[in-house]
C-alpha cells in the first residue's frame, strides 16, 4: 500500500475512513462488517 500524504503524526485518510465505517456498522449492529473494517484498519496500520 502506498503511504498517503499527511503531517507528522496524522493518520492516513484510509485509516480514518475505515474507522468511521467500523463505528457506523457497529452502531447498526452489523458486527461482521465491523470486523472486516477493523481488519482493514489493522492492515493499514501495519504498513505505517
N, C-alpha and C. Protein backbone atom coordinates (compact mmCIF):
# COMPACT_ATOMS: atom_id res chain seq x y z
N UNK A 1 0.83 -1.19 0.00
CA UNK A 1 0.00 0.00 0.00
C UNK A 1 0.87 1.25 0.00
N UNK A 2 0.41 2.23 -0.69
CA UNK A 2 1.15 3.46 -0.76
C UNK A 2 0.80 4.34 0.43
N UNK A 3 1.81 4.93 1.03
CA UNK A 3 1.59 5.81 2.17
C UNK A 3 0.95 7.11 1.68
N UNK A 4 -0.12 7.53 2.35
CA UNK A 4 -0.83 8.73 1.95
C UNK A 4 -0.21 9.97 2.56
N UNK A 5 -0.36 11.09 1.86
CA UNK A 5 0.22 12.35 2.34
C UNK A 5 -0.49 12.81 3.61
N UNK A 6 0.28 13.38 4.49
CA UNK A 6 -0.27 13.90 5.74
C UNK A 6 0.85 14.42 6.60
N UNK A 7 0.50 15.16 7.61
CA UNK A 7 1.51 15.69 8.50
C UNK A 7 2.05 14.62 9.42
N UNK A 8 3.14 14.94 10.08
CA UNK A 8 3.74 14.02 11.05
C UNK A 8 2.73 13.72 12.14
N UNK A 9 2.48 12.46 12.42
CA UNK A 9 1.54 12.08 13.47
C UNK A 9 0.09 12.07 13.02
N UNK A 10 -0.17 12.37 11.75
CA UNK A 10 -1.52 12.37 11.23
C UNK A 10 -1.81 11.00 10.62
N UNK A 11 -2.92 10.35 11.04
CA UNK A 11 -3.22 9.03 10.47
C UNK A 11 -3.61 9.16 8.99
N UNK A 12 -3.28 8.15 8.19
CA UNK A 12 -3.68 8.18 6.78
C UNK A 12 -5.20 8.27 6.65
N UNK A 13 -5.67 8.94 5.62
CA UNK A 13 -7.11 9.13 5.41
C UNK A 13 -7.83 7.79 5.29
N UNK A 14 -7.19 6.80 4.66
CA UNK A 14 -7.82 5.50 4.53
C UNK A 14 -8.11 4.86 5.88
N UNK A 15 -7.21 5.06 6.82
CA UNK A 15 -7.41 4.53 8.17
C UNK A 15 -8.58 5.22 8.85
N UNK A 16 -8.64 6.53 8.73
CA UNK A 16 -9.73 7.30 9.33
C UNK A 16 -11.07 6.88 8.72
N UNK A 17 -11.09 6.73 7.41
CA UNK A 17 -12.32 6.34 6.71
C UNK A 17 -12.81 4.97 7.17
N UNK A 18 -11.89 4.02 7.29
CA UNK A 18 -12.28 2.67 7.70
C UNK A 18 -12.72 2.63 9.17
N UNK A 19 -12.10 3.45 10.01
CA UNK A 19 -12.53 3.52 11.42
C UNK A 19 -13.94 4.08 11.51
N UNK A 20 -14.23 5.10 10.72
CA UNK A 20 -15.58 5.67 10.70
C UNK A 20 -16.59 4.62 10.22
N UNK A 21 -16.20 3.87 9.20
CA UNK A 21 -17.07 2.82 8.68
C UNK A 21 -17.32 1.76 9.75
N UNK A 22 -16.28 1.36 10.46
CA UNK A 22 -16.43 0.36 11.52
C UNK A 22 -17.38 0.86 12.61
N UNK A 23 -17.24 2.11 12.98
CA UNK A 23 -18.12 2.68 14.02
C UNK A 23 -19.57 2.70 13.57
N UNK A 24 -19.80 3.11 12.32
CA UNK A 24 -21.17 3.17 11.81
C UNK A 24 -21.79 1.78 11.73
N UNK A 25 -21.03 0.82 11.26
CA UNK A 25 -21.56 -0.54 11.12
C UNK A 25 -21.83 -1.16 12.50
N UNK A 26 -20.96 -0.87 13.46
CA UNK A 26 -21.18 -1.38 14.81
C UNK A 26 -22.44 -0.76 15.42
N UNK A 27 -22.65 0.51 15.16
CA UNK A 27 -23.84 1.20 15.68
C UNK A 27 -25.12 0.59 15.13
N UNK A 28 -25.03 0.03 13.91
CA UNK A 28 -26.19 -0.62 13.30
C UNK A 28 -26.25 -2.11 13.59
N UNK A 29 -25.31 -2.59 14.39
CA UNK A 29 -25.33 -3.99 14.80
C UNK A 29 -24.76 -4.96 13.78
N UNK A 30 -24.12 -4.46 12.74
CA UNK A 30 -23.55 -5.33 11.71
C UNK A 30 -22.12 -5.69 12.10
N UNK A 31 -21.99 -6.67 12.97
CA UNK A 31 -20.68 -7.00 13.54
C UNK A 31 -19.74 -7.67 12.55
N UNK A 32 -20.27 -8.37 11.57
CA UNK A 32 -19.41 -8.99 10.56
C UNK A 32 -18.70 -7.91 9.75
N UNK A 33 -19.46 -6.92 9.28
CA UNK A 33 -18.85 -5.84 8.51
C UNK A 33 -17.96 -4.97 9.39
N UNK A 34 -18.27 -4.86 10.67
CA UNK A 34 -17.41 -4.13 11.60
C UNK A 34 -16.06 -4.81 11.70
N UNK A 35 -16.07 -6.13 11.83
CA UNK A 35 -14.83 -6.89 11.93
C UNK A 35 -13.99 -6.75 10.67
N UNK A 36 -14.63 -6.75 9.51
CA UNK A 36 -13.91 -6.60 8.25
C UNK A 36 -13.26 -5.22 8.18
N UNK A 37 -14.00 -4.18 8.53
CA UNK A 37 -13.45 -2.82 8.51
C UNK A 37 -12.26 -2.69 9.47
N UNK A 38 -12.37 -3.31 10.63
CA UNK A 38 -11.26 -3.25 11.60
C UNK A 38 -10.05 -4.03 11.11
N UNK A 39 -10.28 -5.12 10.40
CA UNK A 39 -9.16 -5.87 9.82
C UNK A 39 -8.43 -5.03 8.78
N UNK A 40 -9.18 -4.27 7.99
CA UNK A 40 -8.56 -3.37 7.01
C UNK A 40 -7.75 -2.31 7.74
N UNK A 41 -8.29 -1.78 8.85
CA UNK A 41 -7.54 -0.81 9.66
C UNK A 41 -6.23 -1.40 10.15
N UNK A 42 -6.28 -2.64 10.57
CA UNK A 42 -5.06 -3.29 11.06
C UNK A 42 -4.03 -3.40 9.93
N UNK A 43 -4.48 -3.76 8.75
CA UNK A 43 -3.58 -3.88 7.61
C UNK A 43 -2.93 -2.55 7.28
N UNK A 44 -3.73 -1.49 7.29
CA UNK A 44 -3.19 -0.14 7.03
C UNK A 44 -2.18 0.23 8.11
N UNK A 45 -2.52 -0.02 9.36
CA UNK A 45 -1.63 0.34 10.47
C UNK A 45 -0.31 -0.43 10.41
N UNK A 46 -0.35 -1.67 10.00
CA UNK A 46 0.88 -2.46 9.92
C UNK A 46 1.82 -1.93 8.84
N UNK A 47 1.27 -1.24 7.85
CA UNK A 47 2.09 -0.68 6.78
C UNK A 47 2.72 0.66 7.14
N UNK A 48 2.36 1.21 8.32
CA UNK A 48 2.90 2.52 8.71
C UNK A 48 4.32 2.40 9.21
